[in-house]
Amino acid sequence: QVQLVESGGGLVQPGGSLRLSCAASGFPFSSDVMSWYRQAPGKERELVASISSTGSNTNYAESVKGRFTISRDNAKNTVYLQMNSLDVEDMAVYYCTVYRGFRDYWGQGTPVTVSS
C-alpha cells in the first residue's frame, strides 16, 4: 500500500533553514506528481509546492517562492523540500502527498517550529 514518511522537521531560528524529506513506497513513485502541504494551528491546510514526475516542472505558493525549493530523487523514491529564510509564518506541520487512484494519500507529517 501507499506509504509516505516525512522527516527533517524541528526547531529552527528565524532566518534559518531546514530540509524536509519524504520517503515513498507502495506505488510507482517516478510516475506521479508529488506535493508538500502544510497546516498551521487554527488554519486551513495549504499547498506549499508541487513537482512533476520527472522533476522538470515545479509550482510554489506565493508565500514561499524564492525561499523554498522542492526536488525529487526518483532513484531513491524520495521528495525533498529545502526551506530557507524561515519565518514564524512558516511554522506548521508539513505533509507529503500524492494523488492516485482518485484519492489523496498523506504522510503523518513533520512539525516545523520557528522560534528564537
N, C-alpha and C. Protein backbone atom coordinates (compact mmCIF):
# COMPACT_ATOMS: atom_id res chain seq x y z
N GLN A 1 0.84 -1.19 0.00
CA GLN A 1 0.00 0.00 0.00
C GLN A 1 0.88 1.25 0.00
N VAL A 2 0.26 2.36 -0.35
CA VAL A 2 0.98 3.62 -0.41
C VAL A 2 1.42 4.03 0.99
N GLN A 3 2.71 4.35 1.09
CA GLN A 3 3.23 4.88 2.35
C GLN A 3 4.10 6.09 2.06
N LEU A 4 3.90 7.12 2.88
CA LEU A 4 4.68 8.34 2.78
C LEU A 4 5.19 8.67 4.17
N VAL A 5 6.50 8.79 4.32
CA VAL A 5 7.09 9.03 5.64
C VAL A 5 7.95 10.28 5.58
N GLU A 6 7.49 11.32 6.25
CA GLU A 6 8.22 12.58 6.28
C GLU A 6 9.23 12.59 7.42
N SER A 7 10.28 13.36 7.23
CA SER A 7 11.28 13.57 8.27
C SER A 7 11.97 14.90 8.02
N GLY A 8 12.74 15.34 9.02
CA GLY A 8 13.54 16.55 8.85
C GLY A 8 13.01 17.79 9.53
N GLY A 9 11.82 17.71 10.08
CA GLY A 9 11.29 18.86 10.79
C GLY A 9 12.00 19.07 12.11
N GLY A 10 11.70 20.21 12.73
CA GLY A 10 12.32 20.50 14.02
C GLY A 10 12.22 21.97 14.36
N LEU A 11 13.04 22.36 15.31
CA LEU A 11 13.08 23.74 15.78
C LEU A 11 14.20 24.49 15.07
N VAL A 12 13.87 25.65 14.55
CA VAL A 12 14.86 26.47 13.86
C VAL A 12 14.61 27.93 14.20
N GLN A 13 15.67 28.72 14.22
CA GLN A 13 15.52 30.14 14.48
C GLN A 13 15.04 30.87 13.24
N PRO A 14 14.39 32.00 13.40
CA PRO A 14 14.01 32.81 12.23
C PRO A 14 15.23 33.09 11.37
N GLY A 15 15.05 32.93 10.06
CA GLY A 15 16.16 33.11 9.13
C GLY A 15 16.92 31.84 8.86
N GLY A 16 16.63 30.79 9.60
CA GLY A 16 17.34 29.54 9.43
C GLY A 16 16.78 28.68 8.31
N SER A 17 17.34 27.48 8.18
CA SER A 17 16.98 26.57 7.10
C SER A 17 16.70 25.17 7.64
N LEU A 18 15.86 24.46 6.92
CA LEU A 18 15.59 23.05 7.17
C LEU A 18 15.39 22.36 5.83
N ARG A 19 15.71 21.07 5.81
CA ARG A 19 15.43 20.26 4.63
C ARG A 19 14.54 19.10 5.05
N LEU A 20 13.35 19.09 4.49
CA LEU A 20 12.42 18.01 4.74
C LEU A 20 12.58 16.92 3.69
N SER A 21 12.36 15.68 4.12
CA SER A 21 12.40 14.54 3.21
C SER A 21 11.11 13.75 3.34
N CYS A 22 10.73 13.12 2.25
CA CYS A 22 9.55 12.25 2.26
C CYS A 22 9.91 10.98 1.49
N ALA A 23 9.99 9.88 2.22
CA ALA A 23 10.28 8.59 1.60
C ALA A 23 8.97 7.91 1.22
N ALA A 24 8.86 7.54 -0.05
CA ALA A 24 7.62 6.97 -0.58
C ALA A 24 7.80 5.50 -0.92
N SER A 25 6.72 4.76 -0.79
CA SER A 25 6.74 3.34 -1.17
C SER A 25 5.32 2.89 -1.50
N GLY A 26 5.23 1.76 -2.19
CA GLY A 26 3.93 1.16 -2.47
C GLY A 26 3.27 1.63 -3.75
N PHE A 27 3.97 2.43 -4.54
CA PHE A 27 3.42 2.88 -5.82
C PHE A 27 4.60 3.28 -6.71
N PRO A 28 4.34 3.42 -8.01
CA PRO A 28 5.43 3.79 -8.94
C PRO A 28 5.77 5.27 -8.80
N PHE A 29 6.65 5.55 -7.88
CA PHE A 29 6.96 6.93 -7.48
C PHE A 29 7.31 7.81 -8.67
N SER A 30 8.09 7.30 -9.59
CA SER A 30 8.57 8.12 -10.70
C SER A 30 7.48 8.49 -11.69
N SER A 31 6.27 7.99 -11.49
CA SER A 31 5.16 8.28 -12.40
C SER A 31 4.26 9.40 -11.90
N ASP A 32 4.43 9.80 -10.65
CA ASP A 32 3.43 10.67 -10.03
C ASP A 32 3.97 12.04 -9.62
N VAL A 33 3.06 13.02 -9.72
CA VAL A 33 3.32 14.33 -9.14
C VAL A 33 3.33 14.19 -7.61
N MET A 34 4.26 14.86 -6.99
CA MET A 34 4.35 14.87 -5.53
C MET A 34 4.20 16.30 -5.03
N SER A 35 3.61 16.41 -3.85
CA SER A 35 3.35 17.75 -3.31
C SER A 35 3.68 17.80 -1.83
N TRP A 36 3.96 19.00 -1.38
CA TRP A 36 4.08 19.30 0.05
C TRP A 36 2.96 20.28 0.42
N TYR A 37 2.28 19.95 1.50
CA TYR A 37 1.28 20.83 2.09
C TYR A 37 1.75 21.17 3.50
N ARG A 38 1.12 22.19 4.07
CA ARG A 38 1.37 22.49 5.48
C ARG A 38 0.08 22.95 6.14
N GLN A 39 0.04 22.77 7.45
CA GLN A 39 -1.11 23.22 8.21
C GLN A 39 -0.63 23.79 9.53
N ALA A 40 -0.92 25.08 9.71
CA ALA A 40 -0.60 25.76 10.96
C ALA A 40 -1.79 25.66 11.90
N PRO A 41 -1.56 25.76 13.19
CA PRO A 41 -2.66 25.68 14.16
C PRO A 41 -3.76 26.69 13.85
N GLY A 42 -4.99 26.21 13.78
CA GLY A 42 -6.12 27.08 13.54
C GLY A 42 -6.29 27.56 12.12
N LYS A 43 -5.47 27.02 11.21
CA LYS A 43 -5.54 27.45 9.81
C LYS A 43 -5.85 26.28 8.90
N GLU A 44 -6.30 26.62 7.69
CA GLU A 44 -6.56 25.61 6.68
C GLU A 44 -5.24 25.02 6.19
N ARG A 45 -5.32 23.76 5.75
CA ARG A 45 -4.15 23.15 5.12
C ARG A 45 -3.92 23.83 3.77
N GLU A 46 -2.66 24.15 3.46
CA GLU A 46 -2.38 24.85 2.21
C GLU A 46 -1.28 24.15 1.42
N LEU A 47 -1.40 24.26 0.12
CA LEU A 47 -0.38 23.70 -0.78
C LEU A 47 0.86 24.58 -0.74
N VAL A 48 2.01 23.96 -0.51
CA VAL A 48 3.27 24.70 -0.46
C VAL A 48 4.01 24.60 -1.79
N ALA A 49 4.13 23.38 -2.31
CA ALA A 49 4.88 23.18 -3.55
C ALA A 49 4.52 21.83 -4.16
N SER A 50 4.65 21.76 -5.49
CA SER A 50 4.44 20.51 -6.21
C SER A 50 5.56 20.33 -7.21
N ILE A 51 5.79 19.07 -7.58
CA ILE A 51 6.83 18.76 -8.56
C ILE A 51 6.32 17.66 -9.47
N SER A 52 6.60 17.81 -10.75
CA SER A 52 6.15 16.82 -11.73
C SER A 52 6.92 15.51 -11.56
N SER A 53 6.46 14.50 -12.27
CA SER A 53 7.04 13.16 -12.09
C SER A 53 8.53 13.11 -12.43
N THR A 54 8.94 13.90 -13.41
CA THR A 54 10.35 13.90 -13.80
C THR A 54 11.16 14.96 -13.06
N GLY A 55 10.46 15.85 -12.38
CA GLY A 55 11.14 16.93 -11.69
C GLY A 55 11.36 18.16 -12.55
N SER A 56 10.89 18.13 -13.79
CA SER A 56 11.15 19.23 -14.70
C SER A 56 10.25 20.43 -14.45
N ASN A 57 9.13 20.21 -13.79
CA ASN A 57 8.21 21.32 -13.51
C ASN A 57 7.91 21.38 -12.02
N THR A 58 7.93 22.60 -11.51
CA THR A 58 7.62 22.83 -10.11
C THR A 58 6.66 24.01 -9.97
N ASN A 59 5.90 24.00 -8.89
CA ASN A 59 5.00 25.10 -8.57
C ASN A 59 5.09 25.40 -7.09
N TYR A 60 4.95 26.68 -6.76
CA TYR A 60 5.09 27.11 -5.37
C TYR A 60 3.97 28.05 -4.98
N ALA A 61 3.62 28.01 -3.72
CA ALA A 61 2.76 29.05 -3.16
C ALA A 61 3.52 30.37 -3.20
N GLU A 62 2.78 31.45 -3.40
CA GLU A 62 3.42 32.76 -3.48
C GLU A 62 4.23 33.07 -2.21
N SER A 63 3.74 32.60 -1.09
CA SER A 63 4.36 32.93 0.19
C SER A 63 5.74 32.29 0.38
N VAL A 64 6.05 31.27 -0.44
CA VAL A 64 7.34 30.59 -0.26
C VAL A 64 8.26 30.73 -1.47
N LYS A 65 7.78 31.33 -2.53
CA LYS A 65 8.61 31.48 -3.74
C LYS A 65 9.90 32.21 -3.42
N GLY A 66 11.00 31.66 -3.93
CA GLY A 66 12.30 32.26 -3.71
C GLY A 66 12.96 31.82 -2.42
N ARG A 67 12.21 31.15 -1.56
CA ARG A 67 12.77 30.67 -0.29
C ARG A 67 12.79 29.15 -0.19
N PHE A 68 11.79 28.51 -0.76
CA PHE A 68 11.66 27.06 -0.69
C PHE A 68 11.96 26.45 -2.06
N THR A 69 12.54 25.25 -2.04
CA THR A 69 12.80 24.52 -3.27
C THR A 69 12.37 23.07 -3.10
N ILE A 70 11.49 22.62 -3.99
CA ILE A 70 11.08 21.22 -3.99
C ILE A 70 11.93 20.48 -5.02
N SER A 71 12.31 19.26 -4.68
CA SER A 71 13.09 18.43 -5.60
C SER A 71 12.75 16.97 -5.32
N ARG A 72 13.22 16.09 -6.20
CA ARG A 72 12.97 14.68 -6.01
C ARG A 72 14.12 13.86 -6.55
N ASP A 73 14.26 12.69 -5.97
CA ASP A 73 15.23 11.70 -6.44
C ASP A 73 14.46 10.43 -6.72
N ASN A 74 14.17 10.19 -7.98
CA ASN A 74 13.34 9.03 -8.34
C ASN A 74 14.07 7.71 -8.09
N ALA A 75 15.37 7.74 -8.05
CA ALA A 75 16.12 6.52 -7.74
C ALA A 75 15.98 6.13 -6.27
N LYS A 76 15.70 7.13 -5.43
CA LYS A 76 15.56 6.88 -4.00
C LYS A 76 14.11 6.96 -3.53
N ASN A 77 13.18 7.19 -4.48
CA ASN A 77 11.76 7.32 -4.12
C ASN A 77 11.56 8.35 -3.02
N THR A 78 12.21 9.48 -3.17
CA THR A 78 12.18 10.49 -2.13
C THR A 78 11.95 11.87 -2.74
N VAL A 79 11.12 12.65 -2.07
CA VAL A 79 10.91 14.05 -2.43
C VAL A 79 11.38 14.92 -1.28
N TYR A 80 11.94 16.06 -1.63
CA TYR A 80 12.55 16.95 -0.63
C TYR A 80 11.90 18.33 -0.67
N LEU A 81 12.02 19.03 0.44
CA LEU A 81 11.64 20.43 0.49
C LEU A 81 12.72 21.18 1.24
N GLN A 82 13.52 21.93 0.51
CA GLN A 82 14.54 22.78 1.11
C GLN A 82 13.90 24.11 1.48
N MET A 83 13.98 24.46 2.74
CA MET A 83 13.32 25.67 3.23
C MET A 83 14.39 26.61 3.79
N ASN A 84 14.51 27.76 3.19
CA ASN A 84 15.48 28.77 3.62
C ASN A 84 14.75 30.02 4.11
N SER A 85 15.47 30.85 4.83
CA SER A 85 14.92 32.12 5.34
C SER A 85 13.59 31.90 6.04
N LEU A 86 13.56 30.93 6.91
CA LEU A 86 12.31 30.57 7.59
C LEU A 86 11.84 31.70 8.50
N ASP A 87 10.53 31.83 8.53
CA ASP A 87 9.87 32.87 9.31
C ASP A 87 8.83 32.21 10.21
N VAL A 88 8.38 32.94 11.22
CA VAL A 88 7.38 32.37 12.12
C VAL A 88 6.11 31.99 11.37
N GLU A 89 5.86 32.66 10.24
CA GLU A 89 4.68 32.33 9.43
C GLU A 89 4.80 30.96 8.77
N ASP A 90 6.00 30.41 8.74
CA ASP A 90 6.20 29.09 8.14
C ASP A 90 6.00 27.97 9.14
N MET A 91 5.78 28.31 10.38
CA MET A 91 5.61 27.30 11.41
C MET A 91 4.31 26.52 11.18
N ALA A 92 4.44 25.21 11.04
CA ALA A 92 3.30 24.36 10.70
C ALA A 92 3.74 22.90 10.73
N VAL A 93 2.78 22.02 10.57
CA VAL A 93 3.08 20.62 10.28
C VAL A 93 3.10 20.48 8.76
N TYR A 94 4.17 19.90 8.24
CA TYR A 94 4.35 19.75 6.81
C TYR A 94 4.07 18.30 6.40
N TYR A 95 3.28 18.17 5.34
CA TYR A 95 2.84 16.86 4.87
C TYR A 95 3.26 16.64 3.42
N CYS A 96 3.65 15.42 3.15
CA CYS A 96 3.93 14.98 1.80
C CYS A 96 2.67 14.29 1.27
N THR A 97 2.32 14.53 0.02
CA THR A 97 1.10 13.93 -0.52
C THR A 97 1.31 13.44 -1.95
N VAL A 98 0.48 12.49 -2.31
CA VAL A 98 0.40 12.02 -3.69
C VAL A 98 -1.06 11.73 -4.00
N TYR A 99 -1.48 12.03 -5.21
CA TYR A 99 -2.84 11.74 -5.65
C TYR A 99 -2.79 10.61 -6.66
N ARG A 100 -3.45 9.52 -6.33
CA ARG A 100 -3.53 8.42 -7.28
C ARG A 100 -4.74 7.57 -6.93
N GLY A 101 -5.30 6.92 -7.91
CA GLY A 101 -6.49 6.10 -7.67
C GLY A 101 -7.66 6.91 -7.17
N PHE A 102 -7.75 8.17 -7.63
CA PHE A 102 -8.87 9.05 -7.30
C PHE A 102 -8.92 9.44 -5.83
N ARG A 103 -7.78 9.41 -5.17
CA ARG A 103 -7.73 9.87 -3.79
C ARG A 103 -6.35 10.39 -3.47
N ASP A 104 -6.30 11.19 -2.42
CA ASP A 104 -5.04 11.70 -1.91
C ASP A 104 -4.52 10.77 -0.82
N TYR A 105 -3.21 10.61 -0.83
CA TYR A 105 -2.54 9.91 0.27
C TYR A 105 -1.64 10.91 1.00
N TRP A 106 -1.61 10.78 2.31
CA TRP A 106 -0.86 11.72 3.14
C TRP A 106 0.09 10.96 4.06
N GLY A 107 1.21 11.59 4.33
CA GLY A 107 2.08 11.08 5.36
C GLY A 107 1.57 11.53 6.73
N GLN A 108 2.35 11.20 7.75
CA GLN A 108 1.94 11.55 9.12
C GLN A 108 2.30 12.99 9.47
N GLY A 109 3.13 13.60 8.64
CA GLY A 109 3.51 14.98 8.86
C GLY A 109 4.77 15.12 9.70
N THR A 110 5.47 16.22 9.49
CA THR A 110 6.64 16.54 10.31
C THR A 110 6.52 18.00 10.74
N PRO A 111 6.63 18.27 12.04
CA PRO A 111 6.41 19.63 12.53
C PRO A 111 7.64 20.51 12.34
N VAL A 112 7.38 21.74 11.97
CA VAL A 112 8.42 22.76 11.86
C VAL A 112 8.07 23.89 12.80
N THR A 113 8.99 24.18 13.71
CA THR A 113 8.81 25.25 14.67
C THR A 113 9.87 26.31 14.42
N VAL A 114 9.42 27.54 14.25
CA VAL A 114 10.34 28.65 14.02
C VAL A 114 10.25 29.58 15.22
N SER A 115 11.33 29.64 15.95
CA SER A 115 11.31 30.43 17.18
C SER A 115 12.73 30.78 17.59
N SER A 116 12.86 31.95 18.19
CA SER A 116 14.16 32.35 18.71
C SER A 116 14.29 31.97 20.18
